[in-house]
N, C-alpha and C. Protein backbone atom coordinates (compact mmCIF):
# COMPACT_ATOMS: atom_id res chain seq x y z
N MET A 1 17.80 0.83 1.35
CA MET A 1 16.71 0.60 1.95
C MET A 1 15.77 1.94 1.83
N ALA A 2 14.28 1.70 2.07
CA ALA A 2 13.60 2.61 1.74
C ALA A 2 12.73 3.37 2.89
N GLU A 3 12.61 4.59 3.04
CA GLU A 3 12.44 5.31 3.84
C GLU A 3 11.31 4.75 4.67
N VAL A 4 11.39 5.16 6.38
CA VAL A 4 9.94 5.00 6.65
C VAL A 4 8.76 5.55 6.73
N GLU A 5 7.84 5.18 6.10
CA GLU A 5 6.62 5.88 5.85
C GLU A 5 5.69 6.22 7.21
N VAL A 6 5.06 7.60 7.18
CA VAL A 6 4.32 7.68 8.55
C VAL A 6 3.06 8.53 8.22
N GLU A 7 1.78 7.43 8.38
CA GLU A 7 0.69 8.05 8.19
C GLU A 7 0.44 9.34 8.88
N GLN A 8 -0.26 10.64 8.07
CA GLN A 8 -0.67 11.54 9.21
C GLN A 8 -2.07 11.52 9.90
N ILE A 9 -2.11 11.73 11.35
CA ILE A 9 -3.07 11.63 12.47
C ILE A 9 -3.84 12.46 12.60
N VAL A 10 -4.82 12.37 12.60
CA VAL A 10 -5.63 13.91 13.16
C VAL A 10 -6.41 13.79 14.46
N GLU A 11 -6.20 14.86 15.43
CA GLU A 11 -7.01 14.70 16.15
C GLU A 11 -8.30 14.97 16.38
N VAL A 12 -9.39 14.82 16.81
CA VAL A 12 -11.06 15.15 16.75
C VAL A 12 -11.19 14.93 17.99
N THR A 13 -11.86 16.44 18.06
CA THR A 13 -12.95 16.09 19.62
C THR A 13 -14.01 16.15 19.61
N ASP A 14 -14.74 15.48 20.33
CA ASP A 14 -16.37 15.71 20.57
C ASP A 14 -16.65 17.11 20.96
N GLU A 15 -17.82 17.33 20.34
CA GLU A 15 -18.09 18.65 21.18
C GLU A 15 -19.65 18.07 21.43
N VAL A 16 -20.09 17.79 22.26
CA VAL A 16 -21.49 17.41 22.77
C VAL A 16 -21.53 17.61 24.08
N SER A 17 -23.05 18.69 23.97
CA SER A 17 -22.99 19.36 25.72
C SER A 17 -23.33 17.97 26.37
N LYS A 18 -22.66 18.22 27.49
CA LYS A 18 -22.78 17.34 28.87
C LYS A 18 -23.30 17.71 29.90
N ASP A 19 -24.06 16.81 30.29
CA ASP A 19 -24.45 17.06 31.94
C ASP A 19 -23.60 16.36 33.13
N LYS A 20 -24.09 16.59 34.03
CA LYS A 20 -22.97 16.20 35.40
C LYS A 20 -22.94 14.48 34.86
N GLU A 21 -23.53 13.82 34.60
CA GLU A 21 -23.31 12.35 34.66
C GLU A 21 -22.30 12.41 33.66
N GLU A 22 -22.19 12.83 32.59
CA GLU A 22 -21.60 12.63 31.82
C GLU A 22 -19.88 13.44 32.09
N ASP A 23 -19.81 14.23 33.02
CA ASP A 23 -18.61 15.21 33.19
C ASP A 23 -17.79 13.76 33.81
N GLU A 24 -18.02 13.01 34.48
CA GLU A 24 -17.32 11.73 34.57
C GLU A 24 -16.37 11.13 33.68
N VAL A 25 -16.94 11.28 32.36
CA VAL A 25 -16.39 10.49 31.64
C VAL A 25 -15.29 11.16 30.83
N GLU A 26 -13.98 10.38 30.86
CA GLU A 26 -12.46 11.48 30.63
C GLU A 26 -12.97 11.89 28.92
N ASP A 27 -12.69 12.93 28.63
CA ASP A 27 -12.40 13.77 27.37
C ASP A 27 -11.47 13.29 26.76
N GLN A 28 -11.22 12.38 25.91
CA GLN A 28 -10.03 12.28 25.35
C GLN A 28 -10.15 12.58 23.64
N PRO A 29 -9.24 12.97 23.28
CA PRO A 29 -9.52 12.93 21.42
C PRO A 29 -9.34 11.78 21.05
N ARG A 30 -10.00 11.81 19.67
CA ARG A 30 -10.20 10.49 19.15
C ARG A 30 -9.17 11.03 17.72
N ARG A 31 -8.65 9.26 17.43
CA ARG A 31 -7.78 9.45 16.27
C ARG A 31 -8.15 9.25 15.26
N MET A 32 -8.18 9.60 14.00
CA MET A 32 -8.81 9.40 13.14
C MET A 32 -8.05 9.67 11.68
N LEU A 33 -7.47 8.39 10.86
CA LEU A 33 -6.65 8.44 9.73
C LEU A 33 -7.41 9.33 8.27
N PHE A 34 -6.50 9.75 7.99
CA PHE A 34 -7.08 10.83 6.65
C PHE A 34 -7.44 9.72 5.64
N PRO A 35 -8.34 10.08 4.82
CA PRO A 35 -8.66 9.06 3.71
C PRO A 35 -7.57 9.13 2.86
N THR A 36 -7.17 7.63 2.31
CA THR A 36 -6.46 7.15 1.38
C THR A 36 -6.40 7.91 -0.06
N GLY A 37 -5.69 8.49 -0.91
CA GLY A 37 -5.21 9.02 -1.90
C GLY A 37 -4.85 8.06 -2.94
N LEU A 38 -4.85 8.18 -3.98
CA LEU A 38 -3.69 7.24 -5.43
C LEU A 38 -3.22 8.45 -6.34
N ASP A 39 -2.12 7.90 -6.46
CA ASP A 39 -1.29 8.64 -7.65
C ASP A 39 -1.47 7.30 -8.84
N LYS A 40 -2.80 7.72 -9.55
CA LYS A 40 -3.53 6.69 -10.32
C LYS A 40 -2.45 6.77 -11.71
N ASP A 41 -2.07 7.67 -12.23
CA ASP A 41 -0.97 7.62 -13.30
C ASP A 41 0.25 7.05 -12.71
N SER A 42 0.88 6.64 -11.90
CA SER A 42 2.21 6.28 -11.37
C SER A 42 2.08 4.76 -11.29
N ILE A 43 0.76 4.17 -10.51
CA ILE A 43 0.17 3.27 -10.27
C ILE A 43 0.19 2.37 -11.57
N ARG A 44 -0.72 2.92 -12.25
CA ARG A 44 -0.86 2.02 -13.91
C ARG A 44 0.62 2.24 -14.78
N GLU A 45 1.30 3.82 -14.82
CA GLU A 45 2.18 3.23 -15.32
C GLU A 45 3.24 2.11 -15.01
N ALA A 46 3.40 2.04 -13.79
CA ALA A 46 4.58 0.67 -13.22
C ALA A 46 3.71 -0.49 -13.55
N TYR A 47 2.32 -0.66 -13.44
CA TYR A 47 1.91 -1.95 -13.69
C TYR A 47 1.83 -2.37 -15.20
N GLU A 48 1.55 -1.08 -16.01
CA GLU A 48 2.04 -1.77 -17.11
C GLU A 48 3.38 -2.22 -17.77
N ASP A 49 4.34 -1.36 -16.93
CA ASP A 49 5.48 -1.40 -16.99
C ASP A 49 6.06 -3.10 -17.16
N VAL A 50 5.72 -3.45 -15.86
CA VAL A 50 5.54 -5.10 -15.26
C VAL A 50 5.24 -5.78 -16.27
N ARG A 51 3.92 -5.22 -16.64
CA ARG A 51 3.03 -6.73 -17.44
C ARG A 51 3.81 -6.67 -19.11
N SER A 52 4.77 -5.51 -19.52
CA SER A 52 5.22 -5.38 -20.44
C SER A 52 6.47 -6.13 -20.84
N ASP A 53 6.24 -7.11 -22.45
CA ASP A 53 7.52 -8.03 -22.76
C ASP A 53 8.31 -6.88 -23.03
N GLN A 54 8.35 -5.84 -23.75
CA GLN A 54 9.40 -4.96 -24.00
C GLN A 54 10.18 -4.22 -23.13
N THR A 55 9.70 -4.41 -22.04
CA THR A 55 10.86 -3.66 -20.63
C THR A 55 11.69 -4.99 -19.86
N ASP A 56 12.41 -4.83 -18.94
CA ASP A 56 13.20 -5.58 -18.11
C ASP A 56 12.43 -5.28 -16.56
N THR A 57 11.65 -4.64 -16.79
CA THR A 57 11.25 -4.26 -15.19
C THR A 57 10.32 -5.36 -14.92
N ASP A 58 10.51 -6.38 -13.93
CA ASP A 58 10.15 -7.02 -13.19
C ASP A 58 9.09 -6.87 -12.07
N TRP A 59 8.96 -6.08 -11.36
CA TRP A 59 8.21 -5.65 -10.19
C TRP A 59 8.16 -4.30 -9.84
N ALA A 60 7.23 -3.93 -9.09
CA ALA A 60 6.73 -2.38 -8.99
C ALA A 60 6.31 -2.51 -7.44
N VAL A 61 6.69 -1.44 -6.79
CA VAL A 61 6.32 -1.31 -5.20
C VAL A 61 5.39 0.12 -5.09
N PHE A 62 4.14 -0.24 -4.26
CA PHE A 62 3.74 0.86 -4.23
C PHE A 62 3.48 1.26 -2.75
N LYS A 63 3.68 2.39 -2.11
CA LYS A 63 4.08 2.51 -0.75
C LYS A 63 2.85 4.02 -0.59
N PHE A 64 3.03 4.55 0.83
CA PHE A 64 2.25 5.49 0.95
C PHE A 64 3.25 6.80 1.45
N GLN A 65 2.86 7.72 0.63
CA GLN A 65 3.54 8.72 0.85
C GLN A 65 2.45 9.85 1.18
N ASN A 66 2.56 9.87 2.60
CA ASN A 66 1.61 11.08 3.49
C ASN A 66 0.56 9.94 3.24
N CYS A 67 -0.91 10.51 2.68
CA CYS A 67 -1.97 9.76 2.77
C CYS A 67 -2.40 9.56 1.19
N THR A 68 -0.99 9.17 0.54
CA THR A 68 -1.54 9.07 -0.97
C THR A 68 -0.57 7.65 -1.31
N ILE A 69 -1.11 6.61 -2.09
CA ILE A 69 -0.21 5.30 -2.40
C ILE A 69 0.30 5.75 -3.87
N THR A 70 1.56 5.30 -3.88
CA THR A 70 2.16 6.03 -5.44
C THR A 70 3.39 4.71 -5.91
N CYS A 71 3.61 4.88 -6.72
CA CYS A 71 4.61 3.96 -6.80
C CYS A 71 6.04 4.45 -6.66
N THR A 72 6.53 3.71 -5.56
CA THR A 72 7.69 4.21 -5.32
C THR A 72 9.28 3.49 -5.61
N ALA A 73 9.07 2.26 -6.35
CA ALA A 73 10.62 1.63 -6.92
C ALA A 73 10.05 0.66 -8.03
N ARG A 74 10.90 0.58 -9.02
CA ARG A 74 10.62 -0.50 -10.03
C ARG A 74 12.09 -1.09 -10.18
N GLY A 75 11.98 -2.56 -10.58
CA GLY A 75 12.88 -2.76 -10.74
C GLY A 75 13.23 -4.29 -11.44
N GLN A 76 14.51 -5.03 -11.05
CA GLN A 76 14.56 -6.25 -11.85
C GLN A 76 14.96 -7.12 -10.53
N GLY A 77 14.84 -8.34 -10.49
CA GLY A 77 15.24 -9.52 -9.24
C GLY A 77 14.32 -9.48 -8.02
N PHE A 78 14.23 -10.80 -7.92
CA PHE A 78 13.59 -10.90 -6.43
C PHE A 78 13.98 -10.35 -5.01
N GLU A 79 15.35 -10.32 -5.36
CA GLU A 79 16.25 -9.77 -4.10
C GLU A 79 16.15 -8.53 -3.59
N GLU A 80 16.11 -7.39 -5.01
CA GLU A 80 16.11 -6.11 -4.84
C GLU A 80 14.69 -5.89 -4.26
N PHE A 81 13.37 -6.55 -4.89
CA PHE A 81 12.28 -6.37 -4.63
C PHE A 81 11.92 -6.83 -3.44
N ARG A 82 12.76 -7.82 -2.47
CA ARG A 82 12.40 -8.38 -0.99
C ARG A 82 12.69 -6.70 -0.17
N GLU A 83 13.74 -6.34 -0.64
CA GLU A 83 14.80 -5.72 -0.11
C GLU A 83 13.54 -4.13 0.57
N GLN A 84 12.96 -3.70 -0.48
CA GLN A 84 11.65 -2.53 -0.55
C GLN A 84 10.48 -2.84 0.92
N PHE A 85 10.43 -3.81 1.31
CA PHE A 85 9.72 -4.17 2.65
C PHE A 85 10.16 -3.86 3.80
N GLY A 86 10.08 -3.01 4.64
CA GLY A 86 10.29 -2.83 5.96
C GLY A 86 9.29 -3.18 7.16
N GLU A 87 9.84 -3.34 8.25
CA GLU A 87 9.24 -3.28 9.15
C GLU A 87 8.60 -2.84 9.83
N ASN A 88 8.48 -1.42 8.83
CA ASN A 88 7.63 -0.36 9.59
C ASN A 88 6.85 0.32 8.39
N ASP A 89 6.88 -0.68 7.32
CA ASP A 89 6.28 0.01 6.21
C ASP A 89 4.68 -0.52 6.13
N ARG A 90 3.65 -0.25 5.15
CA ARG A 90 2.65 -0.73 4.64
C ARG A 90 2.87 -0.71 3.08
N ALA A 91 2.84 -1.75 2.12
CA ALA A 91 3.19 -1.40 1.21
C ALA A 91 1.96 -2.23 0.00
N PHE A 92 2.14 -2.27 -0.97
CA PHE A 92 1.58 -3.43 -2.13
C PHE A 92 2.88 -3.13 -3.22
N GLY A 93 2.95 -4.93 -3.63
CA GLY A 93 3.99 -5.14 -4.71
C GLY A 93 3.13 -5.79 -5.69
N TYR A 94 3.76 -5.50 -6.85
CA TYR A 94 3.57 -6.62 -8.10
C TYR A 94 4.60 -6.80 -8.77
N ILE A 95 4.81 -8.17 -8.73
CA ILE A 95 6.01 -8.88 -9.40
C ILE A 95 5.35 -10.01 -10.60
N ARG A 96 6.60 -10.04 -11.50
CA ARG A 96 6.91 -10.64 -12.11
C ARG A 96 7.50 -11.98 -12.35
N ILE A 97 7.08 -13.18 -12.42
CA ILE A 97 7.54 -14.63 -12.25
C ILE A 97 7.68 -15.50 -13.54
N GLN A 98 8.64 -15.99 -13.37
CA GLN A 98 8.83 -17.05 -14.71
C GLN A 98 8.58 -18.42 -14.09
N MET A 99 7.61 -19.04 -14.43
CA MET A 99 7.47 -20.61 -14.41
C MET A 99 7.63 -21.34 -15.22
N GLY A 100 7.90 -22.65 -15.04
CA GLY A 100 7.52 -23.57 -16.05
C GLY A 100 8.80 -24.38 -16.35
N ASP A 101 9.38 -24.99 -17.13
CA ASP A 101 10.65 -25.68 -17.36
C ASP A 101 10.93 -25.08 -18.91
N GLU A 102 12.13 -25.67 -19.43
CA GLU A 102 12.68 -25.72 -20.77
C GLU A 102 11.84 -25.40 -21.59
N MET A 103 11.11 -26.11 -21.72
CA MET A 103 10.27 -26.73 -23.13
C MET A 103 8.67 -25.45 -22.80
N SER A 104 8.45 -25.50 -21.69
CA SER A 104 7.28 -24.54 -21.20
C SER A 104 7.30 -23.43 -20.54
N LYS A 105 7.73 -22.16 -20.60
CA LYS A 105 7.93 -21.08 -19.77
C LYS A 105 6.49 -19.96 -19.48
N ARG A 106 6.08 -19.76 -18.88
CA ARG A 106 5.07 -19.16 -18.50
C ARG A 106 5.37 -17.65 -17.44
N GLN A 107 4.55 -16.58 -17.65
CA GLN A 107 4.89 -15.47 -16.97
C GLN A 107 3.69 -15.71 -15.77
N LYS A 108 4.17 -15.24 -14.66
CA LYS A 108 2.74 -15.19 -13.53
C LYS A 108 2.84 -13.95 -12.66
N PHE A 109 2.22 -13.40 -12.33
CA PHE A 109 2.19 -11.82 -12.10
C PHE A 109 1.25 -12.04 -10.52
N ILE A 110 1.92 -11.51 -9.56
CA ILE A 110 1.53 -11.87 -8.12
C ILE A 110 1.56 -10.56 -7.59
N PHE A 111 0.03 -10.34 -7.10
CA PHE A 111 -0.08 -8.86 -6.30
C PHE A 111 -0.23 -9.28 -4.84
N LEU A 112 0.66 -8.37 -4.00
CA LEU A 112 0.88 -8.95 -2.68
C LEU A 112 0.70 -7.56 -1.63
N THR A 113 0.24 -7.94 -0.57
CA THR A 113 0.00 -6.59 0.57
C THR A 113 1.11 -7.37 1.40
N TRP A 114 1.55 -5.82 2.22
CA TRP A 114 2.69 -6.26 2.95
C TRP A 114 2.14 -5.32 4.00
N ILE A 115 2.34 -5.85 5.60
CA ILE A 115 2.33 -5.23 6.65
C ILE A 115 3.24 -5.71 7.25
N GLY A 116 4.33 -4.63 7.64
CA GLY A 116 5.26 -4.87 8.90
C GLY A 116 4.89 -5.22 10.00
N GLN A 117 5.72 -5.72 10.55
CA GLN A 117 5.35 -6.25 11.99
C GLN A 117 5.19 -4.56 13.53
N TYR A 118 5.81 -3.78 12.81
CA TYR A 118 5.63 -2.83 13.76
C TYR A 118 4.33 -1.78 13.38
N VAL A 119 3.76 -1.68 12.26
CA VAL A 119 2.90 -0.99 11.82
C VAL A 119 1.67 -1.07 13.00
N GLY A 120 1.06 0.21 13.28
CA GLY A 120 -0.01 0.20 13.83
C GLY A 120 -1.36 -0.38 14.05
N VAL A 121 -2.47 -0.58 14.73
CA VAL A 121 -3.69 -0.78 14.83
C VAL A 121 -4.41 -0.15 13.70
N LEU A 122 -4.70 0.59 13.89
CA LEU A 122 -5.34 1.68 12.59
C LEU A 122 -4.87 1.53 11.36
N PRO A 123 -3.97 2.08 11.26
CA PRO A 123 -3.08 1.91 9.97
C PRO A 123 -3.51 0.18 9.43
N ARG A 124 -3.05 -0.91 10.10
CA ARG A 124 -3.09 -1.98 9.69
C ARG A 124 -4.53 -2.66 9.34
N ALA A 125 -5.28 -1.70 10.09
CA ALA A 125 -6.73 -2.36 9.62
C ALA A 125 -7.24 -1.60 8.37
N LYS A 126 -6.63 -0.46 8.31
CA LYS A 126 -7.21 0.26 6.80
C LYS A 126 -6.60 -0.08 5.82
N MET A 127 -5.61 -1.36 6.13
CA MET A 127 -4.91 -2.06 4.77
C MET A 127 -6.01 -2.44 4.00
N SER A 128 -7.32 -3.02 4.45
CA SER A 128 -8.14 -3.80 3.08
C SER A 128 -8.73 -2.83 2.56
N THR A 129 -9.39 -1.76 2.94
CA THR A 129 -10.02 -0.73 2.12
C THR A 129 -8.87 -0.14 1.14
N ASP A 130 -7.70 0.07 1.50
CA ASP A 130 -6.66 0.62 0.41
C ASP A 130 -6.59 -0.13 -0.01
N LYS A 131 -6.24 -1.51 -0.17
CA LYS A 131 -6.18 -2.72 -1.04
C LYS A 131 -7.29 -2.69 -2.00
N ALA A 132 -8.60 -2.35 -2.00
CA ALA A 132 -9.70 -2.23 -2.83
C ALA A 132 -9.40 -1.13 -3.77
N LEU A 133 -9.21 -0.25 -3.13
CA LEU A 133 -8.48 1.29 -3.93
C LEU A 133 -8.02 1.19 -5.06
N ILE A 134 -6.24 0.30 -4.42
CA ILE A 134 -5.33 0.19 -5.52
C ILE A 134 -5.58 -0.76 -6.72
N ARG A 135 -6.86 -1.64 -6.30
CA ARG A 135 -7.12 -2.98 -7.06
C ARG A 135 -8.01 -2.33 -8.23
N GLU A 136 -9.00 -1.34 -7.51
CA GLU A 136 -9.64 -0.53 -9.02
C GLU A 136 -8.72 -0.21 -9.64
N VAL A 137 -7.83 0.77 -9.50
CA VAL A 137 -6.88 1.02 -10.36
C VAL A 137 -6.24 -0.05 -11.55
N LEU A 138 -5.74 -1.03 -11.03
CA LEU A 138 -5.32 -2.28 -11.45
C LEU A 138 -5.94 -2.66 -12.59
N SER A 139 -7.39 -3.11 -11.99
CA SER A 139 -8.35 -3.80 -12.64
C SER A 139 -8.56 -3.18 -13.93
N VAL A 140 -8.93 -2.18 -14.47
CA VAL A 140 -8.98 -1.10 -15.34
C VAL A 140 -8.21 -2.27 -16.45
N SER A 141 -6.84 -2.26 -16.39
CA SER A 141 -5.75 -3.12 -17.34
C SER A 141 -6.01 -4.47 -17.76
N ILE A 142 -6.73 -4.72 -16.08
CA ILE A 142 -6.90 -6.20 -16.25
C ILE A 142 -7.87 -6.63 -16.96
N ARG A 143 -9.04 -6.07 -17.09
CA ARG A 143 -10.00 -5.99 -17.79
C ARG A 143 -10.01 -6.56 -19.44
């Protein structure tokens, strides 16, 4: 089972001059997520590996290591692919599926976003922008 990835959070305090009315407002630190980075080489390499008819690789999983999305696993078989996604994980997956009957077999590719049920609100909300970043890397090969 994959290790639980925890995104780094930094606390930022407002340094605003306060008059007497503002002193009544509680001065709490705000949480801010670091910007997401990409390991473009590992992502692109894994993507090409899944797409290639020359390899046996059926899937790739991209997870967060600190604030960087990188390819963390590749392999064969749907069951092994499913095991890569935990309840505390935020991840992306790319998998090749064979469709059709004996006479007409086609390869289909699925790009998915995984957000485990125990992922916090801020990292959960950030997934849409992170998805756009990783799709940019993959779209270079798609075009």
